[in-house]
Amino acid sequence: TISRDSAKNTVTLQMDSLKPEDTAV
């Protein structure tokens, strides 16, 4: 899930149910 905080110019990526194939830079 991606979300944003406009006041702080910040985006957050919440990563749940992670899988080995999510391994990356």
PDBML (XML) file of the C-alpha atoms, coordinates in Angstrom:
<?xml version="1.0" encoding="UTF-8" ?>
<PDBx:datablock datablockName="MODEL"
   xmlns:PDBx="http://pdbml.pdb.org/schema/pdbx-v50.xsd"
   xmlns:xsi="http://www.w3.org/2001/XMLSchema-instance"
   xsi:schemaLocation="http://pdbml.pdb.org/schema/pdbx-v50.xsd pdbx-v50.xsd">
   <PDBx:atom_siteCategory>
      <PDBx:atom_site id="1">
         <PDBx:B_iso_or_equiv>0.00</PDBx:B_iso_or_equiv>
         <PDBx:Cartn_x>0.000</PDBx:Cartn_x>
         <PDBx:Cartn_y>0.000</PDBx:Cartn_y>
         <PDBx:Cartn_z>0.000</PDBx:Cartn_z>
         <PDBx:auth_asym_id>A</PDBx:auth_asym_id>
         <PDBx:auth_atom_id>CA</PDBx:auth_atom_id>
         <PDBx:auth_comp_id>THR</PDBx:auth_comp_id>
         <PDBx:auth_seq_id>1</PDBx:auth_seq_id>
         <PDBx:group_PDB>ATOM</PDBx:group_PDB>
         <PDBx:label_alt_id xsi:nil="true" />
         <PDBx:label_asym_id>A</PDBx:label_asym_id>
         <PDBx:label_atom_id>CA</PDBx:label_atom_id>
         <PDBx:label_comp_id>THR</PDBx:label_comp_id>
         <PDBx:label_entity_id>1</PDBx:label_entity_id>
         <PDBx:label_seq_id>1</PDBx:label_seq_id>
         <PDBx:occupancy>1.00</PDBx:occupancy>
         <PDBx:pdbx_PDB_model_num>1</PDBx:pdbx_PDB_model_num>
         <PDBx:type_symbol>C</PDBx:type_symbol>
      </PDBx:atom_site>
      <PDBx:atom_site id="2">
         <PDBx:B_iso_or_equiv>0.00</PDBx:B_iso_or_equiv>
         <PDBx:Cartn_x>1.371</PDBx:Cartn_x>
         <PDBx:Cartn_y>3.377</PDBx:Cartn_y>
         <PDBx:Cartn_z>-1.002</PDBx:Cartn_z>
         <PDBx:auth_asym_id>A</PDBx:auth_asym_id>
         <PDBx:auth_atom_id>CA</PDBx:auth_atom_id>
         <PDBx:auth_comp_id>ILE</PDBx:auth_comp_id>
         <PDBx:auth_seq_id>2</PDBx:auth_seq_id>
         <PDBx:group_PDB>ATOM</PDBx:group_PDB>
         <PDBx:label_alt_id xsi:nil="true" />
         <PDBx:label_asym_id>A</PDBx:label_asym_id>
         <PDBx:label_atom_id>CA</PDBx:label_atom_id>
         <PDBx:label_comp_id>ILE</PDBx:label_comp_id>
         <PDBx:label_entity_id>1</PDBx:label_entity_id>
         <PDBx:label_seq_id>2</PDBx:label_seq_id>
         <PDBx:occupancy>1.00</PDBx:occupancy>
         <PDBx:pdbx_PDB_model_num>1</PDBx:pdbx_PDB_model_num>
         <PDBx:type_symbol>C</PDBx:type_symbol>
      </PDBx:atom_site>
      <PDBx:atom_site id="3">
         <PDBx:B_iso_or_equiv>0.00</PDBx:B_iso_or_equiv>
         <PDBx:Cartn_x>0.307</PDBx:Cartn_x>
         <PDBx:Cartn_y>6.537</PDBx:Cartn_y>
         <PDBx:Cartn_z>0.764</PDBx:Cartn_z>
         <PDBx:auth_asym_id>A</PDBx:auth_asym_id>
         <PDBx:auth_atom_id>CA</PDBx:auth_atom_id>
         <PDBx:auth_comp_id>SER</PDBx:auth_comp_id>
         <PDBx:auth_seq_id>3</PDBx:auth_seq_id>
         <PDBx:group_PDB>ATOM</PDBx:group_PDB>
         <PDBx:label_alt_id xsi:nil="true" />
         <PDBx:label_asym_id>A</PDBx:label_asym_id>
         <PDBx:label_atom_id>CA</PDBx:label_atom_id>
         <PDBx:label_comp_id>SER</PDBx:label_comp_id>
         <PDBx:label_entity_id>1</PDBx:label_entity_id>
         <PDBx:label_seq_id>3</PDBx:label_seq_id>
         <PDBx:occupancy>1.00</PDBx:occupancy>
         <PDBx:pdbx_PDB_model_num>1</PDBx:pdbx_PDB_model_num>
         <PDBx:type_symbol>C</PDBx:type_symbol>
      </PDBx:atom_site>
      <PDBx:atom_site id="4">
         <PDBx:B_iso_or_equiv>0.00</PDBx:B_iso_or_equiv>
         <PDBx:Cartn_x>1.405</PDBx:Cartn_x>
         <PDBx:Cartn_y>10.125</PDBx:Cartn_y>
         <PDBx:Cartn_z>1.010</PDBx:Cartn_z>
         <PDBx:auth_asym_id>A</PDBx:auth_asym_id>
         <PDBx:auth_atom_id>CA</PDBx:auth_atom_id>
         <PDBx:auth_comp_id>ARG</PDBx:auth_comp_id>
         <PDBx:auth_seq_id>4</PDBx:auth_seq_id>
         <PDBx:group_PDB>ATOM</PDBx:group_PDB>
         <PDBx:label_alt_id xsi:nil="true" />
         <PDBx:label_asym_id>A</PDBx:label_asym_id>
         <PDBx:label_atom_id>CA</PDBx:label_atom_id>
         <PDBx:label_comp_id>ARG</PDBx:label_comp_id>
         <PDBx:label_entity_id>1</PDBx:label_entity_id>
         <PDBx:label_seq_id>4</PDBx:label_seq_id>
         <PDBx:occupancy>1.00</PDBx:occupancy>
         <PDBx:pdbx_PDB_model_num>1</PDBx:pdbx_PDB_model_num>
         <PDBx:type_symbol>C</PDBx:type_symbol>
      </PDBx:atom_site>
      <PDBx:atom_site id="5">
         <PDBx:B_iso_or_equiv>0.00</PDBx:B_iso_or_equiv>
         <PDBx:Cartn_x>1.739</PDBx:Cartn_x>
         <PDBx:Cartn_y>12.899</PDBx:Cartn_y>
         <PDBx:Cartn_z>3.540</PDBx:Cartn_z>
         <PDBx:auth_asym_id>A</PDBx:auth_asym_id>
         <PDBx:auth_atom_id>CA</PDBx:auth_atom_id>
         <PDBx:auth_comp_id>ASP</PDBx:auth_comp_id>
         <PDBx:auth_seq_id>5</PDBx:auth_seq_id>
         <PDBx:group_PDB>ATOM</PDBx:group_PDB>
         <PDBx:label_alt_id xsi:nil="true" />
         <PDBx:label_asym_id>A</PDBx:label_asym_id>
         <PDBx:label_atom_id>CA</PDBx:label_atom_id>
         <PDBx:label_comp_id>ASP</PDBx:label_comp_id>
         <PDBx:label_entity_id>1</PDBx:label_entity_id>
         <PDBx:label_seq_id>5</PDBx:label_seq_id>
         <PDBx:occupancy>1.00</PDBx:occupancy>
         <PDBx:pdbx_PDB_model_num>1</PDBx:pdbx_PDB_model_num>
         <PDBx:type_symbol>C</PDBx:type_symbol>
      </PDBx:atom_site>
      <PDBx:atom_site id="6">
         <PDBx:B_iso_or_equiv>0.00</PDBx:B_iso_or_equiv>
         <PDBx:Cartn_x>1.396</PDBx:Cartn_x>
         <PDBx:Cartn_y>16.070</PDBx:Cartn_y>
         <PDBx:Cartn_z>1.510</PDBx:Cartn_z>
         <PDBx:auth_asym_id>A</PDBx:auth_asym_id>
         <PDBx:auth_atom_id>CA</PDBx:auth_atom_id>
         <PDBx:auth_comp_id>SER</PDBx:auth_comp_id>
         <PDBx:auth_seq_id>6</PDBx:auth_seq_id>
         <PDBx:group_PDB>ATOM</PDBx:group_PDB>
         <PDBx:label_alt_id xsi:nil="true" />
         <PDBx:label_asym_id>A</PDBx:label_asym_id>
         <PDBx:label_atom_id>CA</PDBx:label_atom_id>
         <PDBx:label_comp_id>SER</PDBx:label_comp_id>
         <PDBx:label_entity_id>1</PDBx:label_entity_id>
         <PDBx:label_seq_id>6</PDBx:label_seq_id>
         <PDBx:occupancy>1.00</PDBx:occupancy>
         <PDBx:pdbx_PDB_model_num>1</PDBx:pdbx_PDB_model_num>
         <PDBx:type_symbol>C</PDBx:type_symbol>
      </PDBx:atom_site>
      <PDBx:atom_site id="7">
         <PDBx:B_iso_or_equiv>0.00</PDBx:B_iso_or_equiv>
         <PDBx:Cartn_x>2.429</PDBx:Cartn_x>
         <PDBx:Cartn_y>18.344</PDBx:Cartn_y>
         <PDBx:Cartn_z>4.361</PDBx:Cartn_z>
         <PDBx:auth_asym_id>A</PDBx:auth_asym_id>
         <PDBx:auth_atom_id>CA</PDBx:auth_atom_id>
         <PDBx:auth_comp_id>ALA</PDBx:auth_comp_id>
         <PDBx:auth_seq_id>7</PDBx:auth_seq_id>
         <PDBx:group_PDB>ATOM</PDBx:group_PDB>
         <PDBx:label_alt_id xsi:nil="true" />
         <PDBx:label_asym_id>A</PDBx:label_asym_id>
         <PDBx:label_atom_id>CA</PDBx:label_atom_id>
         <PDBx:label_comp_id>ALA</PDBx:label_comp_id>
         <PDBx:label_entity_id>1</PDBx:label_entity_id>
         <PDBx:label_seq_id>7</PDBx:label_seq_id>
         <PDBx:occupancy>1.00</PDBx:occupancy>
         <PDBx:pdbx_PDB_model_num>1</PDBx:pdbx_PDB_model_num>
         <PDBx:type_symbol>C</PDBx:type_symbol>
      </PDBx:atom_site>
      <PDBx:atom_site id="8">
         <PDBx:B_iso_or_equiv>0.00</PDBx:B_iso_or_equiv>
         <PDBx:Cartn_x>5.738</PDBx:Cartn_x>
         <PDBx:Cartn_y>16.513</PDBx:Cartn_y>
         <PDBx:Cartn_z>4.721</PDBx:Cartn_z>
         <PDBx:auth_asym_id>A</PDBx:auth_asym_id>
         <PDBx:auth_atom_id>CA</PDBx:auth_atom_id>
         <PDBx:auth_comp_id>LYS</PDBx:auth_comp_id>
         <PDBx:auth_seq_id>8</PDBx:auth_seq_id>
         <PDBx:group_PDB>ATOM</PDBx:group_PDB>
         <PDBx:label_alt_id xsi:nil="true" />
         <PDBx:label_asym_id>A</PDBx:label_asym_id>
         <PDBx:label_atom_id>CA</PDBx:label_atom_id>
         <PDBx:label_comp_id>LYS</PDBx:label_comp_id>
         <PDBx:label_entity_id>1</PDBx:label_entity_id>
         <PDBx:label_seq_id>8</PDBx:label_seq_id>
         <PDBx:occupancy>1.00</PDBx:occupancy>
         <PDBx:pdbx_PDB_model_num>1</PDBx:pdbx_PDB_model_num>
         <PDBx:type_symbol>C</PDBx:type_symbol>
      </PDBx:atom_site>
      <PDBx:atom_site id="9">
         <PDBx:B_iso_or_equiv>0.00</PDBx:B_iso_or_equiv>
         <PDBx:Cartn_x>6.232</PDBx:Cartn_x>
         <PDBx:Cartn_y>15.682</PDBx:Cartn_y>
         <PDBx:Cartn_z>1.025</PDBx:Cartn_z>
         <PDBx:auth_asym_id>A</PDBx:auth_asym_id>
         <PDBx:auth_atom_id>CA</PDBx:auth_atom_id>
         <PDBx:auth_comp_id>ASN</PDBx:auth_comp_id>
         <PDBx:auth_seq_id>9</PDBx:auth_seq_id>
         <PDBx:group_PDB>ATOM</PDBx:group_PDB>
         <PDBx:label_alt_id xsi:nil="true" />
         <PDBx:label_asym_id>A</PDBx:label_asym_id>
         <PDBx:label_atom_id>CA</PDBx:label_atom_id>
         <PDBx:label_comp_id>ASN</PDBx:label_comp_id>
         <PDBx:label_entity_id>1</PDBx:label_entity_id>
         <PDBx:label_seq_id>9</PDBx:label_seq_id>
         <PDBx:occupancy>1.00</PDBx:occupancy>
         <PDBx:pdbx_PDB_model_num>1</PDBx:pdbx_PDB_model_num>
         <PDBx:type_symbol>C</PDBx:type_symbol>
      </PDBx:atom_site>
      <PDBx:atom_site id="10">
         <PDBx:B_iso_or_equiv>0.00</PDBx:B_iso_or_equiv>
         <PDBx:Cartn_x>6.641</PDBx:Cartn_x>
         <PDBx:Cartn_y>12.080</PDBx:Cartn_y>
         <PDBx:Cartn_z>2.018</PDBx:Cartn_z>
         <PDBx:auth_asym_id>A</PDBx:auth_asym_id>
         <PDBx:auth_atom_id>CA</PDBx:auth_atom_id>
         <PDBx:auth_comp_id>THR</PDBx:auth_comp_id>
         <PDBx:auth_seq_id>10</PDBx:auth_seq_id>
         <PDBx:group_PDB>ATOM</PDBx:group_PDB>
         <PDBx:label_alt_id xsi:nil="true" />
         <PDBx:label_asym_id>A</PDBx:label_asym_id>
         <PDBx:label_atom_id>CA</PDBx:label_atom_id>
         <PDBx:label_comp_id>THR</PDBx:label_comp_id>
         <PDBx:label_entity_id>1</PDBx:label_entity_id>
         <PDBx:label_seq_id>10</PDBx:label_seq_id>
         <PDBx:occupancy>1.00</PDBx:occupancy>
         <PDBx:pdbx_PDB_model_num>1</PDBx:pdbx_PDB_model_num>
         <PDBx:type_symbol>C</PDBx:type_symbol>
      </PDBx:atom_site>
      <PDBx:atom_site id="11">
         <PDBx:B_iso_or_equiv>0.00</PDBx:B_iso_or_equiv>
         <PDBx:Cartn_x>5.429</PDBx:Cartn_x>
         <PDBx:Cartn_y>8.821</PDBx:Cartn_y>
         <PDBx:Cartn_z>0.520</PDBx:Cartn_z>
         <PDBx:auth_asym_id>A</PDBx:auth_asym_id>
         <PDBx:auth_atom_id>CA</PDBx:auth_atom_id>
         <PDBx:auth_comp_id>VAL</PDBx:auth_comp_id>
         <PDBx:auth_seq_id>11</PDBx:auth_seq_id>
         <PDBx:group_PDB>ATOM</PDBx:group_PDB>
         <PDBx:label_alt_id xsi:nil="true" />
         <PDBx:label_asym_id>A</PDBx:label_asym_id>
         <PDBx:label_atom_id>CA</PDBx:label_atom_id>
         <PDBx:label_comp_id>VAL</PDBx:label_comp_id>
         <PDBx:label_entity_id>1</PDBx:label_entity_id>
         <PDBx:label_seq_id>11</PDBx:label_seq_id>
         <PDBx:occupancy>1.00</PDBx:occupancy>
         <PDBx:pdbx_PDB_model_num>1</PDBx:pdbx_PDB_model_num>
         <PDBx:type_symbol>C</PDBx:type_symbol>
      </PDBx:atom_site>
      <PDBx:atom_site id="12">
         <PDBx:B_iso_or_equiv>0.00</PDBx:B_iso_or_equiv>
         <PDBx:Cartn_x>5.263</PDBx:Cartn_x>
         <PDBx:Cartn_y>5.563</PDBx:Cartn_y>
         <PDBx:Cartn_z>2.387</PDBx:Cartn_z>
         <PDBx:auth_asym_id>A</PDBx:auth_asym_id>
         <PDBx:auth_atom_id>CA</PDBx:auth_atom_id>
         <PDBx:auth_comp_id>THR</PDBx:auth_comp_id>
         <PDBx:auth_seq_id>12</PDBx:auth_seq_id>
         <PDBx:group_PDB>ATOM</PDBx:group_PDB>
         <PDBx:label_alt_id xsi:nil="true" />
         <PDBx:label_asym_id>A</PDBx:label_asym_id>
         <PDBx:label_atom_id>CA</PDBx:label_atom_id>
         <PDBx:label_comp_id>THR</PDBx:label_comp_id>
         <PDBx:label_entity_id>1</PDBx:label_entity_id>
         <PDBx:label_seq_id>12</PDBx:label_seq_id>
         <PDBx:occupancy>1.00</PDBx:occupancy>
         <PDBx:pdbx_PDB_model_num>1</PDBx:pdbx_PDB_model_num>
         <PDBx:type_symbol>C</PDBx:type_symbol>
      </PDBx:atom_site>
      <PDBx:atom_site id="13">
         <PDBx:B_iso_or_equiv>0.00</PDBx:B_iso_or_equiv>
         <PDBx:Cartn_x>5.166</PDBx:Cartn_x>
         <PDBx:Cartn_y>2.052</PDBx:Cartn_y>
         <PDBx:Cartn_z>1.004</PDBx:Cartn_z>
         <PDBx:auth_asym_id>A</PDBx:auth_asym_id>
         <PDBx:auth_atom_id>CA</PDBx:auth_atom_id>
         <PDBx:auth_comp_id>LEU</PDBx:auth_comp_id>
         <PDBx:auth_seq_id>13</PDBx:auth_seq_id>
         <PDBx:group_PDB>ATOM</PDBx:group_PDB>
         <PDBx:label_alt_id xsi:nil="true" />
         <PDBx:label_asym_id>A</PDBx:label_asym_id>
         <PDBx:label_atom_id>CA</PDBx:label_atom_id>
         <PDBx:label_comp_id>LEU</PDBx:label_comp_id>
         <PDBx:label_entity_id>1</PDBx:label_entity_id>
         <PDBx:label_seq_id>13</PDBx:label_seq_id>
         <PDBx:occupancy>1.00</PDBx:occupancy>
         <PDBx:pdbx_PDB_model_num>1</PDBx:pdbx_PDB_model_num>
         <PDBx:type_symbol>C</PDBx:type_symbol>
      </PDBx:atom_site>
      <PDBx:atom_site id="14">
         <PDBx:B_iso_or_equiv>0.00</PDBx:B_iso_or_equiv>
         <PDBx:Cartn_x>3.712</PDBx:Cartn_x>
         <PDBx:Cartn_y>-0.435</PDBx:Cartn_y>
         <PDBx:Cartn_z>3.441</PDBx:Cartn_z>
         <PDBx:auth_asym_id>A</PDBx:auth_asym_id>
         <PDBx:auth_atom_id>CA</PDBx:auth_atom_id>
         <PDBx:auth_comp_id>GLN</PDBx:auth_comp_id>
         <PDBx:auth_seq_id>14</PDBx:auth_seq_id>
         <PDBx:group_PDB>ATOM</PDBx:group_PDB>
         <PDBx:label_alt_id xsi:nil="true" />
         <PDBx:label_asym_id>A</PDBx:label_asym_id>
         <PDBx:label_atom_id>CA</PDBx:label_atom_id>
         <PDBx:label_comp_id>GLN</PDBx:label_comp_id>
         <PDBx:label_entity_id>1</PDBx:label_entity_id>
         <PDBx:label_seq_id>14</PDBx:label_seq_id>
         <PDBx:occupancy>1.00</PDBx:occupancy>
         <PDBx:pdbx_PDB_model_num>1</PDBx:pdbx_PDB_model_num>
         <PDBx:type_symbol>C</PDBx:type_symbol>
      </PDBx:atom_site>
      <PDBx:atom_site id="15">
         <PDBx:B_iso_or_equiv>0.00</PDBx:B_iso_or_equiv>
         <PDBx:Cartn_x>4.798</PDBx:Cartn_x>
         <PDBx:Cartn_y>-3.907</PDBx:Cartn_y>
         <PDBx:Cartn_z>2.376</PDBx:Cartn_z>
         <PDBx:auth_asym_id>A</PDBx:auth_asym_id>
         <PDBx:auth_atom_id>CA</PDBx:auth_atom_id>
         <PDBx:auth_comp_id>MET</PDBx:auth_comp_id>
         <PDBx:auth_seq_id>15</PDBx:auth_seq_id>
         <PDBx:group_PDB>ATOM</PDBx:group_PDB>
         <PDBx:label_alt_id xsi:nil="true" />
         <PDBx:label_asym_id>A</PDBx:label_asym_id>
         <PDBx:label_atom_id>CA</PDBx:label_atom_id>
         <PDBx:label_comp_id>MET</PDBx:label_comp_id>
         <PDBx:label_entity_id>1</PDBx:label_entity_id>
         <PDBx:label_seq_id>15</PDBx:label_seq_id>
         <PDBx:occupancy>1.00</PDBx:occupancy>
         <PDBx:pdbx_PDB_model_num>1</PDBx:pdbx_PDB_model_num>
         <PDBx:type_symbol>C</PDBx:type_symbol>
      </PDBx:atom_site>
      <PDBx:atom_site id="16">
         <PDBx:B_iso_or_equiv>0.00</PDBx:B_iso_or_equiv>
         <PDBx:Cartn_x>2.917</PDBx:Cartn_x>
         <PDBx:Cartn_y>-6.811</PDBx:Cartn_y>
         <PDBx:Cartn_z>3.913</PDBx:Cartn_z>
         <PDBx:auth_asym_id>A</PDBx:auth_asym_id>
         <PDBx:auth_atom_id>CA</PDBx:auth_atom_id>
         <PDBx:auth_comp_id>ASP</PDBx:auth_comp_id>
         <PDBx:auth_seq_id>16</PDBx:auth_seq_id>
         <PDBx:group_PDB>ATOM</PDBx:group_PDB>
         <PDBx:label_alt_id xsi:nil="true" />
         <PDBx:label_asym_id>A</PDBx:label_asym_id>
         <PDBx:label_atom_id>CA</PDBx:label_atom_id>
         <PDBx:label_comp_id>ASP</PDBx:label_comp_id>
         <PDBx:label_entity_id>1</PDBx:label_entity_id>
         <PDBx:label_seq_id>16</PDBx:label_seq_id>
         <PDBx:occupancy>1.00</PDBx:occupancy>
         <PDBx:pdbx_PDB_model_num>1</PDBx:pdbx_PDB_model_num>
         <PDBx:type_symbol>C</PDBx:type_symbol>
      </PDBx:atom_site>
      <PDBx:atom_site id="17">
         <PDBx:B_iso_or_equiv>0.00</PDBx:B_iso_or_equiv>
         <PDBx:Cartn_x>2.921</PDBx:Cartn_x>
         <PDBx:Cartn_y>-10.532</PDBx:Cartn_y>
         <PDBx:Cartn_z>3.217</PDBx:Cartn_z>
         <PDBx:auth_asym_id>A</PDBx:auth_asym_id>
         <PDBx:auth_atom_id>CA</PDBx:auth_atom_id>
         <PDBx:auth_comp_id>SER</PDBx:auth_comp_id>
         <PDBx:auth_seq_id>17</PDBx:auth_seq_id>
         <PDBx:group_PDB>ATOM</PDBx:group_PDB>
         <PDBx:label_alt_id xsi:nil="true" />
         <PDBx:label_asym_id>A</PDBx:label_asym_id>
         <PDBx:label_atom_id>CA</PDBx:label_atom_id>
         <PDBx:label_comp_id>SER</PDBx:label_comp_id>
         <PDBx:label_entity_id>1</PDBx:label_entity_id>
         <PDBx:label_seq_id>17</PDBx:label_seq_id>
         <PDBx:occupancy>1.00</PDBx:occupancy>
         <PDBx:pdbx_PDB_model_num>1</PDBx:pdbx_PDB_model_num>
         <PDBx:type_symbol>C</PDBx:type_symbol>
      </PDBx:atom_site>
      <PDBx:atom_site id="18">
         <PDBx:B_iso_or_equiv>0.00</PDBx:B_iso_or_equiv>
         <PDBx:Cartn_x>6.430</PDBx:Cartn_x>
         <PDBx:Cartn_y>-10.252</PDBx:Cartn_y>
         <PDBx:Cartn_z>1.865</PDBx:Cartn_z>
         <PDBx:auth_asym_id>A</PDBx:auth_asym_id>
         <PDBx:auth_atom_id>CA</PDBx:auth_atom_id>
         <PDBx:auth_comp_id>LEU</PDBx:auth_comp_id>
         <PDBx:auth_seq_id>18</PDBx:auth_seq_id>
         <PDBx:group_PDB>ATOM</PDBx:group_PDB>
         <PDBx:label_alt_id xsi:nil="true" />
         <PDBx:label_asym_id>A</PDBx:label_asym_id>
         <PDBx:label_atom_id>CA</PDBx:label_atom_id>
         <PDBx:label_comp_id>LEU</PDBx:label_comp_id>
         <PDBx:label_entity_id>1</PDBx:label_entity_id>
         <PDBx:label_seq_id>18</PDBx:label_seq_id>
         <PDBx:occupancy>1.00</PDBx:occupancy>
         <PDBx:pdbx_PDB_model_num>1</PDBx:pdbx_PDB_model_num>
         <PDBx:type_symbol>C</PDBx:type_symbol>
      </PDBx:atom_site>
      <PDBx:atom_site id="19">
         <PDBx:B_iso_or_equiv>0.00</PDBx:B_iso_or_equiv>
         <PDBx:Cartn_x>7.766</PDBx:Cartn_x>
         <PDBx:Cartn_y>-12.935</PDBx:Cartn_y>
         <PDBx:Cartn_z>-0.424</PDBx:Cartn_z>
         <PDBx:auth_asym_id>A</PDBx:auth_asym_id>
         <PDBx:auth_atom_id>CA</PDBx:auth_atom_id>
         <PDBx:auth_comp_id>LYS</PDBx:auth_comp_id>
         <PDBx:auth_seq_id>19</PDBx:auth_seq_id>
         <PDBx:group_PDB>ATOM</PDBx:group_PDB>
         <PDBx:label_alt_id xsi:nil="true" />
         <PDBx:label_asym_id>A</PDBx:label_asym_id>
         <PDBx:label_atom_id>CA</PDBx:label_atom_id>
         <PDBx:label_comp_id>LYS</PDBx:label_comp_id>
         <PDBx:label_entity_id>1</PDBx:label_entity_id>
         <PDBx:label_seq_id>19</PDBx:label_seq_id>
         <PDBx:occupancy>1.00</PDBx:occupancy>
         <PDBx:pdbx_PDB_model_num>1</PDBx:pdbx_PDB_model_num>
         <PDBx:type_symbol>C</PDBx:type_symbol>
      </PDBx:atom_site>
      <PDBx:atom_site id="20">
         <PDBx:B_iso_or_equiv>0.00</PDBx:B_iso_or_equiv>
         <PDBx:Cartn_x>11.346</PDBx:Cartn_x>
         <PDBx:Cartn_y>-13.879</PDBx:Cartn_y>
         <PDBx:Cartn_z>-1.286</PDBx:Cartn_z>
         <PDBx:auth_asym_id>A</PDBx:auth_asym_id>
         <PDBx:auth_atom_id>CA</PDBx:auth_atom_id>
         <PDBx:auth_comp_id>PRO</PDBx:auth_comp_id>
         <PDBx:auth_seq_id>20</PDBx:auth_seq_id>
         <PDBx:group_PDB>ATOM</PDBx:group_PDB>
         <PDBx:label_alt_id xsi:nil="true" />
         <PDBx:label_asym_id>A</PDBx:label_asym_id>
         <PDBx:label_atom_id>CA</PDBx:label_atom_id>
         <PDBx:label_comp_id>PRO</PDBx:label_comp_id>
         <PDBx:label_entity_id>1</PDBx:label_entity_id>
         <PDBx:label_seq_id>20</PDBx:label_seq_id>
         <PDBx:occupancy>1.00</PDBx:occupancy>
         <PDBx:pdbx_PDB_model_num>1</PDBx:pdbx_PDB_model_num>
         <PDBx:type_symbol>C</PDBx:type_symbol>
      </PDBx:atom_site>
      <PDBx:atom_site id="21">
         <PDBx:B_iso_or_equiv>0.00</PDBx:B_iso_or_equiv>
         <PDBx:Cartn_x>10.752</PDBx:Cartn_x>
         <PDBx:Cartn_y>-12.577</PDBx:Cartn_y>
         <PDBx:Cartn_z>-4.802</PDBx:Cartn_z>
         <PDBx:auth_asym_id>A</PDBx:auth_asym_id>
         <PDBx:auth_atom_id>CA</PDBx:auth_atom_id>
         <PDBx:auth_comp_id>GLU</PDBx:auth_comp_id>
         <PDBx:auth_seq_id>21</PDBx:auth_seq_id>
         <PDBx:group_PDB>ATOM</PDBx:group_PDB>
         <PDBx:label_alt_id xsi:nil="true" />
         <PDBx:label_asym_id>A</PDBx:label_asym_id>
         <PDBx:label_atom_id>CA</PDBx:label_atom_id>
         <PDBx:label_comp_id>GLU</PDBx:label_comp_id>
         <PDBx:label_entity_id>1</PDBx:label_entity_id>
         <PDBx:label_seq_id>21</PDBx:label_seq_id>
         <PDBx:occupancy>1.00</PDBx:occupancy>
         <PDBx:pdbx_PDB_model_num>1</PDBx:pdbx_PDB_model_num>
         <PDBx:type_symbol>C</PDBx:type_symbol>
      </PDBx:atom_site>
      <PDBx:atom_site id="22">
         <PDBx:B_iso_or_equiv>0.00</PDBx:B_iso_or_equiv>
         <PDBx:Cartn_x>10.242</PDBx:Cartn_x>
         <PDBx:Cartn_y>-9.121</PDBx:Cartn_y>
         <PDBx:Cartn_z>-3.325</PDBx:Cartn_z>
         <PDBx:auth_asym_id>A</PDBx:auth_asym_id>
         <PDBx:auth_atom_id>CA</PDBx:auth_atom_id>
         <PDBx:auth_comp_id>ASP</PDBx:auth_comp_id>
         <PDBx:auth_seq_id>22</PDBx:auth_seq_id>
         <PDBx:group_PDB>ATOM</PDBx:group_PDB>
         <PDBx:label_alt_id xsi:nil="true" />
         <PDBx:label_asym_id>A</PDBx:label_asym_id>
         <PDBx:label_atom_id>CA</PDBx:label_atom_id>
         <PDBx:label_comp_id>ASP</PDBx:label_comp_id>
         <PDBx:label_entity_id>1</PDBx:label_entity_id>
         <PDBx:label_seq_id>22</PDBx:label_seq_id>
         <PDBx:occupancy>1.00</PDBx:occupancy>
         <PDBx:pdbx_PDB_model_num>1</PDBx:pdbx_PDB_model_num>
         <PDBx:type_symbol>C</PDBx:type_symbol>
      </PDBx:atom_site>
      <PDBx:atom_site id="23">
         <PDBx:B_iso_or_equiv>0.00</PDBx:B_iso_or_equiv>
         <PDBx:Cartn_x>13.956</PDBx:Cartn_x>
         <PDBx:Cartn_y>-9.055</PDBx:Cartn_y>
         <PDBx:Cartn_z>-2.577</PDBx:Cartn_z>
         <PDBx:auth_asym_id>A</PDBx:auth_asym_id>
         <PDBx:auth_atom_id>CA</PDBx:auth_atom_id>
         <PDBx:auth_comp_id>THR</PDBx:auth_comp_id>
         <PDBx:auth_seq_id>23</PDBx:auth_seq_id>
         <PDBx:group_PDB>ATOM</PDBx:group_PDB>
         <PDBx:label_alt_id xsi:nil="true" />
         <PDBx:label_asym_id>A</PDBx:label_asym_id>
         <PDBx:label_atom_id>CA</PDBx:label_atom_id>
         <PDBx:label_comp_id>THR</PDBx:label_comp_id>
         <PDBx:label_entity_id>1</PDBx:label_entity_id>
         <PDBx:label_seq_id>23</PDBx:label_seq_id>
         <PDBx:occupancy>1.00</PDBx:occupancy>
         <PDBx:pdbx_PDB_model_num>1</PDBx:pdbx_PDB_model_num>
         <PDBx:type_symbol>C</PDBx:type_symbol>
      </PDBx:atom_site>
      <PDBx:atom_site id="24">
         <PDBx:B_iso_or_equiv>0.00</PDBx:B_iso_or_equiv>
         <PDBx:Cartn_x>15.440</PDBx:Cartn_x>
         <PDBx:Cartn_y>-6.170</PDBx:Cartn_y>
         <PDBx:Cartn_z>-4.525</PDBx:Cartn_z>
         <PDBx:auth_asym_id>A</PDBx:auth_asym_id>
         <PDBx:auth_atom_id>CA</PDBx:auth_atom_id>
         <PDBx:auth_comp_id>ALA</PDBx:auth_comp_id>
         <PDBx:auth_seq_id>24</PDBx:auth_seq_id>
         <PDBx:group_PDB>ATOM</PDBx:group_PDB>
         <PDBx:label_alt_id xsi:nil="true" />
         <PDBx:label_asym_id>A</PDBx:label_asym_id>
         <PDBx:label_atom_id>CA</PDBx:label_atom_id>
         <PDBx:label_comp_id>ALA</PDBx:label_comp_id>
         <PDBx:label_entity_id>1</PDBx:label_entity_id>
         <PDBx:label_seq_id>24</PDBx:label_seq_id>
         <PDBx:occupancy>1.00</PDBx:occupancy>
         <PDBx:pdbx_PDB_model_num>1</PDBx:pdbx_PDB_model_num>
         <PDBx:type_symbol>C</PDBx:type_symbol>
      </PDBx:atom_site>
      <PDBx:atom_site id="25">
         <PDBx:B_iso_or_equiv>0.00</PDBx:B_iso_or_equiv>
         <PDBx:Cartn_x>16.932</PDBx:Cartn_x>
         <PDBx:Cartn_y>-2.744</PDBx:Cartn_y>
         <PDBx:Cartn_z>-4.323</PDBx:Cartn_z>
         <PDBx:auth_asym_id>A</PDBx:auth_asym_id>
         <PDBx:auth_atom_id>CA</PDBx:auth_atom_id>
         <PDBx:auth_comp_id>VAL</PDBx:auth_comp_id>
         <PDBx:auth_seq_id>25</PDBx:auth_seq_id>
         <PDBx:group_PDB>ATOM</PDBx:group_PDB>
         <PDBx:label_alt_id xsi:nil="true" />
         <PDBx:label_asym_id>A</PDBx:label_asym_id>
         <PDBx:label_atom_id>CA</PDBx:label_atom_id>
         <PDBx:label_comp_id>VAL</PDBx:label_comp_id>
         <PDBx:label_entity_id>1</PDBx:label_entity_id>
         <PDBx:label_seq_id>25</PDBx:label_seq_id>
         <PDBx:occupancy>1.00</PDBx:occupancy>
         <PDBx:pdbx_PDB_model_num>1</PDBx:pdbx_PDB_model_num>
         <PDBx:type_symbol>C</PDBx:type_symbol>
      </PDBx:atom_site>
   </PDBx:atom_siteCategory>
</PDBx:datablock>
